[in-house]
């Protein structure tokens, strides 16, 4: 079998389409939904502990009272 450039192009197109369909099927799989929902919330997770300078100091509290 003789592989010319058009045969390779066709083969790459078919393989790319297959990979695309597999990726879409993987992302739309209901079993993966929980993992994707958890990953979507990662930017909003506040994992840094509160620093002492984030709260008003005793001097500032005494001025407001």
Foldseek 3Di string as FASTA:
>chain_A
DDDDPVNVVVVVVVVVVVVVVVVVCVVPDPVCVVVVVVVVCVVVDDPDDDDPVVDDDPVVVVVVD
